Amino acid sequence: MNDYGISKSSGTLTKGSMLFIAIGWICAFLSLFILPYAFGVIGVITGILAAKNGSRNGLPIIMANIILMGIGLMFNNVILDYTMHNIYGR
């Protein structure tokens, strides 16, 4: 504890915070392609939960989800058409 009564966490990852981190990054990636408003919000929530569990990866997950959700909302049709065209040759 320091002078202000705040203790620093050791930065160790628990199974719960590792699960939140994994789900957060998966949701960030998925928010580019499908349902950006749903996966972006879920990713932000998992980032908050990871940060509450003492993980330092919570804030980057929150920022990535907000940024990628915004990109997904703006360019969802363009990105999805481009990937479908290159994968399936339509």
PDB file of N, CA and C in Angstrom:
ATOM      1  N   MET A   1       0.828  -1.182   0.000  1.00  0.00           N
ATOM      2  CA  MET A   1       0.000   0.000   0.000  1.00  0.00           C
ATOM      3  C   MET A   1       0.871   1.242   0.000  1.00  0.00           C
ATOM      4  N   ASN A   2       0.397   2.232  -0.709  1.00  0.00           N
ATOM      5  CA  ASN A   2       1.126   3.496  -0.712  1.00  0.00           C
ATOM      6  C   ASN A   2       0.458   4.472   0.249  1.00  0.00           C
ATOM      7  N   ASP A   3       0.858   5.733   0.183  1.00  0.00           N
ATOM      8  CA  ASP A   3       0.339   6.741   1.116  1.00  0.00           C
ATOM      9  C   ASP A   3      -1.157   6.994   0.956  1.00  0.00           C
ATOM     10  N   TYR A   4      -1.704   6.684  -0.196  1.00  0.00           N
ATOM     11  CA  TYR A   4      -3.111   6.972  -0.472  1.00  0.00           C
ATOM     12  C   TYR A   4      -4.024   5.776  -0.210  1.00  0.00           C
ATOM     13  N   GLY A   5      -3.476   4.692   0.291  1.00  0.00           N
ATOM     14  CA  GLY A   5      -4.282   3.520   0.592  1.00  0.00           C
ATOM     15  C   GLY A   5      -4.593   2.668  -0.613  1.00  0.00           C
ATOM     16  N   ILE A   6      -3.827   2.824  -1.681  1.00  0.00           N
ATOM     17  CA  ILE A   6      -4.044   2.061  -2.904  1.00  0.00           C
ATOM     18  C   ILE A   6      -2.933   1.032  -3.019  1.00  0.00           C
ATOM     19  N   SER A   7      -3.314  -0.210  -3.195  1.00  0.00           N
ATOM     20  CA  SER A   7      -2.310  -1.253  -3.361  1.00  0.00           C
ATOM     21  C   SER A   7      -2.186  -1.590  -4.839  1.00  0.00           C
ATOM     22  N   LYS A   8      -0.970  -1.814  -5.261  1.00  0.00           N
ATOM     23  CA  LYS A   8      -0.733  -2.193  -6.657  1.00  0.00           C
ATOM     24  C   LYS A   8      -0.887  -3.694  -6.795  1.00  0.00           C
ATOM     25  N   SER A   9      -1.563  -4.096  -7.868  1.00  0.00           N
ATOM     26  CA  SER A   9      -1.696  -5.526  -8.103  1.00  0.00           C
ATOM     27  C   SER A   9      -0.419  -6.041  -8.752  1.00  0.00           C
ATOM     28  N   SER A  10      -0.182  -7.302  -8.567  1.00  0.00           N
ATOM     29  CA  SER A  10       1.046  -7.888  -9.090  1.00  0.00           C
ATOM     30  C   SER A  10       0.988  -8.121 -10.592  1.00  0.00           C
ATOM     31  N   GLY A  11      -0.188  -7.990 -11.202  1.00  0.00           N
ATOM     32  CA  GLY A  11      -0.312  -8.165 -12.638  1.00  0.00           C
ATOM     33  C   GLY A  11      -0.461  -9.614 -13.055  1.00  0.00           C
ATOM     34  N   THR A  12      -0.695 -10.511 -12.108  1.00  0.00           N
ATOM     35  CA  THR A  12      -0.876 -11.908 -12.461  1.00  0.00           C
ATOM     36  C   THR A  12      -2.251 -12.101 -13.077  1.00  0.00           C
ATOM     37  N   LEU A  13      -2.307 -12.979 -14.038  1.00  0.00           N
ATOM     38  CA  LEU A  13      -3.562 -13.249 -14.738  1.00  0.00           C
ATOM     39  C   LEU A  13      -4.238 -14.472 -14.139  1.00  0.00           C
ATOM     40  N   THR A  14      -5.506 -14.325 -13.858  1.00  0.00           N
ATOM     41  CA  THR A  14      -6.291 -15.460 -13.407  1.00  0.00           C
ATOM     42  C   THR A  14      -6.993 -16.074 -14.618  1.00  0.00           C
ATOM     43  N   LYS A  15      -7.599 -17.215 -14.409  1.00  0.00           N
ATOM     44  CA  LYS A  15      -8.316 -17.856 -15.513  1.00  0.00           C
ATOM     45  C   LYS A  15      -9.476 -16.996 -15.979  1.00  0.00           C
ATOM     46  N   GLY A  16     -10.137 -16.329 -15.028  1.00  0.00           N
ATOM     47  CA  GLY A  16     -11.257 -15.468 -15.388  1.00  0.00           C
ATOM     48  C   GLY A  16     -10.834 -14.292 -16.241  1.00  0.00           C
ATOM     49  N   SER A  17      -9.720 -13.641 -15.864  1.00  0.00           N
ATOM     50  CA  SER A  17      -9.278 -12.488 -16.642  1.00  0.00           C
ATOM     51  C   SER A  17      -8.721 -12.921 -17.995  1.00  0.00           C
ATOM     52  N   MET A  18      -8.104 -14.098 -18.076  1.00  0.00           N
ATOM     53  CA  MET A  18      -7.625 -14.588 -19.371  1.00  0.00           C
ATOM     54  C   MET A  18      -8.800 -14.875 -20.297  1.00  0.00           C
ATOM     55  N   LEU A  19      -9.897 -15.380 -19.738  1.00  0.00           N
ATOM     56  CA  LEU A  19     -11.095 -15.628 -20.534  1.00  0.00           C
ATOM     57  C   LEU A  19     -11.674 -14.318 -21.044  1.00  0.00           C
ATOM     58  N   PHE A  20     -11.738 -13.290 -20.179  1.00  0.00           N
ATOM     59  CA  PHE A  20     -12.246 -11.992 -20.596  1.00  0.00           C
ATOM     60  C   PHE A  20     -11.367 -11.371 -21.676  1.00  0.00           C
ATOM     61  N   ILE A  21     -10.061 -11.539 -21.558  1.00  0.00           N
ATOM     62  CA  ILE A  21      -9.138 -10.986 -22.554  1.00  0.00           C
ATOM     63  C   ILE A  21      -9.345 -11.660 -23.901  1.00  0.00           C
ATOM     64  N   ALA A  22      -9.452 -12.983 -23.897  1.00  0.00           N
ATOM     65  CA  ALA A  22      -9.649 -13.721 -25.149  1.00  0.00           C
ATOM     66  C   ALA A  22     -10.982 -13.344 -25.805  1.00  0.00           C
ATOM     67  N   ILE A  23     -12.037 -13.308 -25.024  1.00  0.00           N
ATOM     68  CA  ILE A  23     -13.350 -12.949 -25.572  1.00  0.00           C
ATOM     69  C   ILE A  23     -13.336 -11.514 -26.088  1.00  0.00           C
ATOM     70  N   GLY A  24     -12.643 -10.616 -25.369  1.00  0.00           N
ATOM     71  CA  GLY A  24     -12.565  -9.220 -25.797  1.00  0.00           C
ATOM     72  C   GLY A  24     -11.890  -9.053 -27.145  1.00  0.00           C
ATOM     73  N   TRP A  25     -10.764  -9.745 -27.356  1.00  0.00           N
ATOM     74  CA  TRP A  25     -10.070  -9.623 -28.647  1.00  0.00           C
ATOM     75  C   TRP A  25     -10.856 -10.292 -29.765  1.00  0.00           C
ATOM     76  N   ILE A  26     -11.516 -11.401 -29.481  1.00  0.00           N
ATOM     77  CA  ILE A  26     -12.339 -12.057 -30.499  1.00  0.00           C
ATOM     78  C   ILE A  26     -13.497 -11.150 -30.902  1.00  0.00           C
ATOM     79  N   CYS A  27     -14.125 -10.521 -29.924  1.00  0.00           N
ATOM     80  CA  CYS A  27     -15.234  -9.610 -30.229  1.00  0.00           C
ATOM     81  C   CYS A  27     -14.755  -8.394 -31.014  1.00  0.00           C
ATOM     82  N   ALA A  28     -13.550  -7.906 -30.709  1.00  0.00           N
ATOM     83  CA  ALA A  28     -13.007  -6.769 -31.454  1.00  0.00           C
ATOM     84  C   ALA A  28     -12.838  -7.133 -32.920  1.00  0.00           C
ATOM     85  N   PHE A  29     -12.310  -8.323 -33.193  1.00  0.00           N
ATOM     86  CA  PHE A  29     -12.115  -8.761 -34.570  1.00  0.00           C
ATOM     87  C   PHE A  29     -13.453  -8.981 -35.272  1.00  0.00           C
ATOM     88  N   LEU A  30     -14.397  -9.600 -34.572  1.00  0.00           N
ATOM     89  CA  LEU A  30     -15.696  -9.882 -35.186  1.00  0.00           C
ATOM     90  C   LEU A  30     -16.509  -8.623 -35.441  1.00  0.00           C
ATOM     91  N   SER A  31     -16.277  -7.577 -34.655  1.00  0.00           N
ATOM     92  CA  SER A  31     -17.057  -6.353 -34.843  1.00  0.00           C
ATOM     93  C   SER A  31     -16.726  -5.656 -36.155  1.00  0.00           C
ATOM     94  N   LEU A  32     -15.635  -6.021 -36.790  1.00  0.00           N
ATOM     95  CA  LEU A  32     -15.334  -5.482 -38.119  1.00  0.00           C
ATOM     96  C   LEU A  32     -16.245  -6.078 -39.181  1.00  0.00           C
ATOM     97  N   PHE A  33     -16.648  -7.327 -38.998  1.00  0.00           N
ATOM     98  CA  PHE A  33     -17.339  -8.045 -40.062  1.00  0.00           C
ATOM     99  C   PHE A  33     -18.834  -8.206 -39.836  1.00  0.00           C
ATOM    100  N   ILE A  34     -19.225  -8.627 -38.656  1.00  0.00           N
ATOM    101  CA  ILE A  34     -20.638  -8.906 -38.424  1.00  0.00           C
ATOM    102  C   ILE A  34     -21.095  -8.255 -37.120  1.00  0.00           C
ATOM    103  N   LEU A  35     -22.264  -7.679 -37.136  1.00  0.00           N
ATOM    104  CA  LEU A  35     -22.915  -7.085 -35.972  1.00  0.00           C
ATOM    105  C   LEU A  35     -21.958  -6.244 -35.121  1.00  0.00           C
ATOM    106  N   PRO A  36     -21.439  -5.156 -35.677  1.00  0.00           N
ATOM    107  CA  PRO A  36     -20.444  -4.374 -34.926  1.00  0.00           C
ATOM    108  C   PRO A  36     -21.001  -3.776 -33.641  1.00  0.00           C
ATOM    109  N   TYR A  37     -22.273  -3.413 -33.628  1.00  0.00           N
ATOM    110  CA  TYR A  37     -22.845  -2.821 -32.415  1.00  0.00           C
ATOM    111  C   TYR A  37     -22.954  -3.856 -31.301  1.00  0.00           C
ATOM    112  N   ALA A  38     -23.209  -5.099 -31.622  1.00  0.00           N
ATOM    113  CA  ALA A  38     -23.344  -6.144 -30.595  1.00  0.00           C
ATOM    114  C   ALA A  38     -21.972  -6.610 -30.105  1.00  0.00           C
ATOM    115  N   PHE A  39     -21.094  -6.992 -31.047  1.00  0.00           N
ATOM    116  CA  PHE A  39     -19.786  -7.491 -30.643  1.00  0.00           C
ATOM    117  C   PHE A  39     -18.910  -6.395 -30.042  1.00  0.00           C
ATOM    118  N   GLY A  40     -19.085  -5.164 -30.495  1.00  0.00           N
ATOM    119  CA  GLY A  40     -18.319  -4.063 -29.915  1.00  0.00           C
ATOM    120  C   GLY A  40     -18.679  -3.817 -28.468  1.00  0.00           C
ATOM    121  N   VAL A  41     -19.972  -3.838 -28.166  1.00  0.00           N
ATOM    122  CA  VAL A  41     -20.417  -3.623 -26.789  1.00  0.00           C
ATOM    123  C   VAL A  41     -19.992  -4.786 -25.894  1.00  0.00           C
ATOM    124  N   ILE A  42     -20.122  -6.003 -26.394  1.00  0.00           N
ATOM    125  CA  ILE A  42     -19.689  -7.169 -25.610  1.00  0.00           C
ATOM    126  C   ILE A  42     -18.190  -7.088 -25.348  1.00  0.00           C
ATOM    127  N   GLY A  43     -17.418  -6.670 -26.345  1.00  0.00           N
ATOM    128  CA  GLY A  43     -15.976  -6.535 -26.165  1.00  0.00           C
ATOM    129  C   GLY A  43     -15.611  -5.469 -25.158  1.00  0.00           C
ATOM    130  N   VAL A  44     -16.321  -4.350 -25.167  1.00  0.00           N
ATOM    131  CA  VAL A  44     -16.058  -3.292 -24.184  1.00  0.00           C
ATOM    132  C   VAL A  44     -16.378  -3.797 -22.780  1.00  0.00           C
ATOM    133  N   ILE A  45     -17.483  -4.511 -22.634  1.00  0.00           N
ATOM    134  CA  ILE A  45     -17.851  -5.045 -21.319  1.00  0.00           C
ATOM    135  C   ILE A  45     -16.804  -6.045 -20.825  1.00  0.00           C
ATOM    136  N   THR A  46     -16.324  -6.924 -21.699  1.00  0.00           N
ATOM    137  CA  THR A  46     -15.297  -7.871 -21.273  1.00  0.00           C
ATOM    138  C   THR A  46     -13.984  -7.165 -20.955  1.00  0.00           C
ATOM    139  N   GLY A  47     -13.680  -6.073 -21.641  1.00  0.00           N
ATOM    140  CA  GLY A  47     -12.496  -5.290 -21.296  1.00  0.00           C
ATOM    141  C   GLY A  47     -12.615  -4.661 -19.923  1.00  0.00           C
ATOM    142  N   ILE A  48     -13.797  -4.167 -19.596  1.00  0.00           N
ATOM    143  CA  ILE A  48     -14.024  -3.600 -18.267  1.00  0.00           C
ATOM    144  C   ILE A  48     -13.897  -4.679 -17.195  1.00  0.00           C
ATOM    145  N   LEU A  49     -14.464  -5.848 -17.458  1.00  0.00           N
ATOM    146  CA  LEU A  49     -14.371  -6.937 -16.494  1.00  0.00           C
ATOM    147  C   LEU A  49     -12.931  -7.422 -16.330  1.00  0.00           C
ATOM    148  N   ALA A  50     -12.170  -7.443 -17.415  1.00  0.00           N
ATOM    149  CA  ALA A  50     -10.764  -7.835 -17.319  1.00  0.00           C
ATOM    150  C   ALA A  50      -9.978  -6.814 -16.510  1.00  0.00           C
ATOM    151  N   ALA A  51     -10.263  -5.535 -16.702  1.00  0.00           N
ATOM    152  CA  ALA A  51      -9.580  -4.501 -15.931  1.00  0.00           C
ATOM    153  C   ALA A  51      -9.961  -4.571 -14.456  1.00  0.00           C
ATOM    154  N   LYS A  52     -11.206  -4.908 -14.167  1.00  0.00           N
ATOM    155  CA  LYS A  52     -11.630  -5.036 -12.759  1.00  0.00           C
ATOM    156  C   LYS A  52     -10.965  -6.230 -12.093  1.00  0.00           C
ATOM    157  N   ASN A  53     -10.614  -7.255 -12.858  1.00  0.00           N
ATOM    158  CA  ASN A  53      -9.924  -8.417 -12.306  1.00  0.00           C
ATOM    159  C   ASN A  53      -8.428  -8.186 -12.142  1.00  0.00           C
ATOM    160  N   GLY A  54      -7.946  -7.000 -12.470  1.00  0.00           N
ATOM    161  CA  GLY A  54      -6.546  -6.678 -12.250  1.00  0.00           C
ATOM    162  C   GLY A  54      -5.658  -6.830 -13.468  1.00  0.00           C
ATOM    163  N   SER A  55      -6.225  -7.088 -14.624  1.00  0.00           N
ATOM    164  CA  SER A  55      -5.424  -7.244 -15.831  1.00  0.00           C
ATOM    165  C   SER A  55      -5.115  -5.883 -16.443  1.00  0.00           C
ATOM    166  N   ARG A  56      -3.909  -5.733 -16.916  1.00  0.00           N
ATOM    167  CA  ARG A  56      -3.527  -4.493 -17.591  1.00  0.00           C
ATOM    168  C   ARG A  56      -3.984  -4.479 -19.053  1.00  0.00           C
ATOM    169  N   ASN A  57      -4.477  -5.581 -19.535  1.00  0.00           N
ATOM    170  CA  ASN A  57      -4.938  -5.670 -20.919  1.00  0.00           C
ATOM    171  C   ASN A  57      -6.361  -5.172 -21.093  1.00  0.00           C
ATOM    172  N   GLY A  58      -7.013  -4.771 -20.039  1.00  0.00           N
ATOM    173  CA  GLY A  58      -8.396  -4.334 -20.131  1.00  0.00           C
ATOM    174  C   GLY A  58      -8.559  -3.061 -20.949  1.00  0.00           C
ATOM    175  N   LEU A  59      -7.713  -2.070 -20.703  1.00  0.00           N
ATOM    176  CA  LEU A  59      -7.831  -0.795 -21.409  1.00  0.00           C
ATOM    177  C   LEU A  59      -7.552  -0.923 -22.908  1.00  0.00           C
ATOM    178  N   PRO A  60      -6.497  -1.641 -23.335  1.00  0.00           N
ATOM    179  CA  PRO A  60      -6.328  -1.819 -24.790  1.00  0.00           C
ATOM    180  C   PRO A  60      -7.485  -2.562 -25.449  1.00  0.00           C
ATOM    181  N   ILE A  61      -8.099  -3.490 -24.731  1.00  0.00           N
ATOM    182  CA  ILE A  61      -9.250  -4.201 -25.288  1.00  0.00           C
ATOM    183  C   ILE A  61     -10.421  -3.244 -25.457  1.00  0.00           C
ATOM    184  N   ILE A  62     -10.646  -2.382 -24.470  1.00  0.00           N
ATOM    185  CA  ILE A  62     -11.725  -1.405 -24.567  1.00  0.00           C
ATOM    186  C   ILE A  62     -11.496  -0.473 -25.749  1.00  0.00           C
ATOM    187  N   MET A  63     -10.276   0.053 -25.863  1.00  0.00           N
ATOM    188  CA  MET A  63      -9.969   0.982 -26.962  1.00  0.00           C
ATOM    189  C   MET A  63     -10.080   0.297 -28.318  1.00  0.00           C
ATOM    190  N   ALA A  64      -9.571  -0.920 -28.436  1.00  0.00           N
ATOM    191  CA  ALA A  64      -9.643  -1.639 -29.708  1.00  0.00           C
ATOM    192  C   ALA A  64     -11.086  -1.914 -30.103  1.00  0.00           C
ATOM    193  N   ASN A  65     -11.912  -2.285 -29.147  1.00  0.00           N
ATOM    194  CA  ASN A  65     -13.311  -2.561 -29.463  1.00  0.00           C
ATOM    195  C   ASN A  65     -14.051  -1.309 -29.897  1.00  0.00           C
ATOM    196  N   ILE A  66     -13.782  -0.186 -29.251  1.00  0.00           N
ATOM    197  CA  ILE A  66     -14.454   1.047 -29.643  1.00  0.00           C
ATOM    198  C   ILE A  66     -14.021   1.469 -31.040  1.00  0.00           C
ATOM    199  N   ILE A  67     -12.724   1.402 -31.315  1.00  0.00           N
ATOM    200  CA  ILE A  67     -12.216   1.814 -32.632  1.00  0.00           C
ATOM    201  C   ILE A  67     -12.703   0.866 -33.725  1.00  0.00           C
ATOM    202  N   LEU A  68     -12.573  -0.442 -33.501  1.00  0.00           N
ATOM    203  CA  LEU A  68     -12.975  -1.400 -34.534  1.00  0.00           C
ATOM    204  C   LEU A  68     -14.489  -1.451 -34.708  1.00  0.00           C
ATOM    205  N   MET A  69     -15.239  -1.172 -33.633  1.00  0.00           N
ATOM    206  CA  MET A  69     -16.686  -1.093 -33.770  1.00  0.00           C
ATOM    207  C   MET A  69     -17.061   0.102 -34.645  1.00  0.00           C
ATOM    208  N   GLY A  70     -16.392   1.230 -34.446  1.00  0.00           N
ATOM    209  CA  GLY A  70     -16.654   2.400 -35.289  1.00  0.00           C
ATOM    210  C   GLY A  70     -16.325   2.142 -36.744  1.00  0.00           C
ATOM    211  N   ILE A  71     -15.188   1.499 -36.988  1.00  0.00           N
ATOM    212  CA  ILE A  71     -14.817   1.158 -38.368  1.00  0.00           C
ATOM    213  C   ILE A  71     -15.821   0.170 -38.950  1.00  0.00           C
ATOM    214  N   GLY A  72     -16.235  -0.797 -38.144  1.00  0.00           N
ATOM    215  CA  GLY A  72     -17.218  -1.771 -38.609  1.00  0.00           C
ATOM    216  C   GLY A  72     -18.555  -1.136 -38.929  1.00  0.00           C
ATOM    217  N   LEU A  73     -18.972  -0.161 -38.125  1.00  0.00           N
ATOM    218  CA  LEU A  73     -20.236   0.516 -38.399  1.00  0.00           C
ATOM    219  C   LEU A  73     -20.172   1.342 -39.674  1.00  0.00           C
ATOM    220  N   MET A  74     -19.025   1.963 -39.926  1.00  0.00           N
ATOM    221  CA  MET A  74     -18.898   2.809 -41.124  1.00  0.00           C
ATOM    222  C   MET A  74     -18.707   1.990 -42.390  1.00  0.00           C
ATOM    223  N   PHE A  75     -17.869   0.954 -42.317  1.00  0.00           N
ATOM    224  CA  PHE A  75     -17.459   0.244 -43.526  1.00  0.00           C
ATOM    225  C   PHE A  75     -17.866  -1.227 -43.524  1.00  0.00           C
ATOM    226  N   ASN A  76     -18.895  -1.592 -42.793  1.00  0.00           N
ATOM    227  CA  ASN A  76     -19.280  -2.995 -42.673  1.00  0.00           C
ATOM    228  C   ASN A  76     -19.593  -3.616 -44.029  1.00  0.00           C
ATOM    229  N   ASN A  77     -20.390  -2.962 -44.844  1.00  0.00           N
ATOM    230  CA  ASN A  77     -20.757  -3.529 -46.146  1.00  0.00           C
ATOM    231  C   ASN A  77     -19.560  -3.627 -47.071  1.00  0.00           C
ATOM    232  N   VAL A  78     -18.693  -2.655 -47.053  1.00  0.00           N
ATOM    233  CA  VAL A  78     -17.517  -2.668 -47.919  1.00  0.00           C
ATOM    234  C   VAL A  78     -16.569  -3.794 -47.525  1.00  0.00           C
ATOM    235  N   ILE A  79     -16.304  -3.928 -46.227  1.00  0.00           N
ATOM    236  CA  ILE A  79     -15.389  -4.970 -45.752  1.00  0.00           C
ATOM    237  C   ILE A  79     -15.965  -6.351 -46.021  1.00  0.00           C
ATOM    238  N   LEU A  80     -17.249  -6.542 -45.745  1.00  0.00           N
ATOM    239  CA  LEU A  80     -17.871  -7.844 -45.943  1.00  0.00           C
ATOM    240  C   LEU A  80     -17.920  -8.225 -47.419  1.00  0.00           C
ATOM    241  N   ASP A  81     -18.256  -7.280 -48.300  1.00  0.00           N
ATOM    242  CA  ASP A  81     -18.260  -7.567 -49.733  1.00  0.00           C
ATOM    243  C   ASP A  81     -16.865  -7.906 -50.242  1.00  0.00           C
ATOM    244  N   TYR A  82     -15.862  -7.180 -49.765  1.00  0.00           N
ATOM    245  CA  TYR A  82     -14.480  -7.426 -50.195  1.00  0.00           C
ATOM    246  C   TYR A  82     -14.007  -8.806 -49.770  1.00  0.00           C
ATOM    247  N   THR A  83     -14.278  -9.189 -48.523  1.00  0.00           N
ATOM    248  CA  THR A  83     -13.828 -10.500 -48.056  1.00  0.00           C
ATOM    249  C   THR A  83     -14.599 -11.620 -48.723  1.00  0.00           C
ATOM    250  N   MET A  84     -15.890 -11.451 -48.938  1.00  0.00           N
ATOM    251  CA  MET A  84     -16.665 -12.497 -49.604  1.00  0.00           C
ATOM    252  C   MET A  84     -16.225 -12.661 -51.066  1.00  0.00           C
ATOM    253  N   HIS A  85     -15.898 -11.554 -51.713  1.00  0.00           N
ATOM    254  CA  HIS A  85     -15.453 -11.614 -53.097  1.00  0.00           C
ATOM    255  C   HIS A  85     -14.104 -12.333 -53.207  1.00  0.00           C
ATOM    256  N   ASN A  86     -13.191 -12.066 -52.294  1.00  0.00           N
ATOM    257  CA  ASN A  86     -11.877 -12.687 -52.351  1.00  0.00           C
ATOM    258  C   ASN A  86     -11.878 -14.130 -51.877  1.00  0.00           C
ATOM    259  N   ILE A  87     -12.777 -14.474 -50.969  1.00  0.00           N
ATOM    260  CA  ILE A  87     -12.804 -15.847 -50.463  1.00  0.00           C
ATOM    261  C   ILE A  87     -13.564 -16.763 -51.420  1.00  0.00           C
ATOM    262  N   TYR A  88     -14.731 -16.338 -51.842  1.00  0.00           N
ATOM    263  CA  TYR A  88     -15.592 -17.200 -52.651  1.00  0.00           C
ATOM    264  C   TYR A  88     -15.569 -16.869 -54.135  1.00  0.00           C
ATOM    265  N   GLY A  89     -14.913 -15.791 -54.511  1.00  0.00           N
ATOM    266  CA  GLY A  89     -14.800 -15.446 -55.911  1.00  0.00           C
ATOM    267  C   GLY A  89     -16.096 -15.003 -56.544  1.00  0.00           C
ATOM    268  N   ARG A  90     -16.964 -14.394 -55.790  1.00  0.00           N
ATOM    269  CA  ARG A  90     -18.246 -13.935 -56.318  1.00  0.00           C
ATOM    270  C   ARG A  90     -18.112 -12.667 -57.066  1.00  0.00           C
TER     271      ARG A  90
END
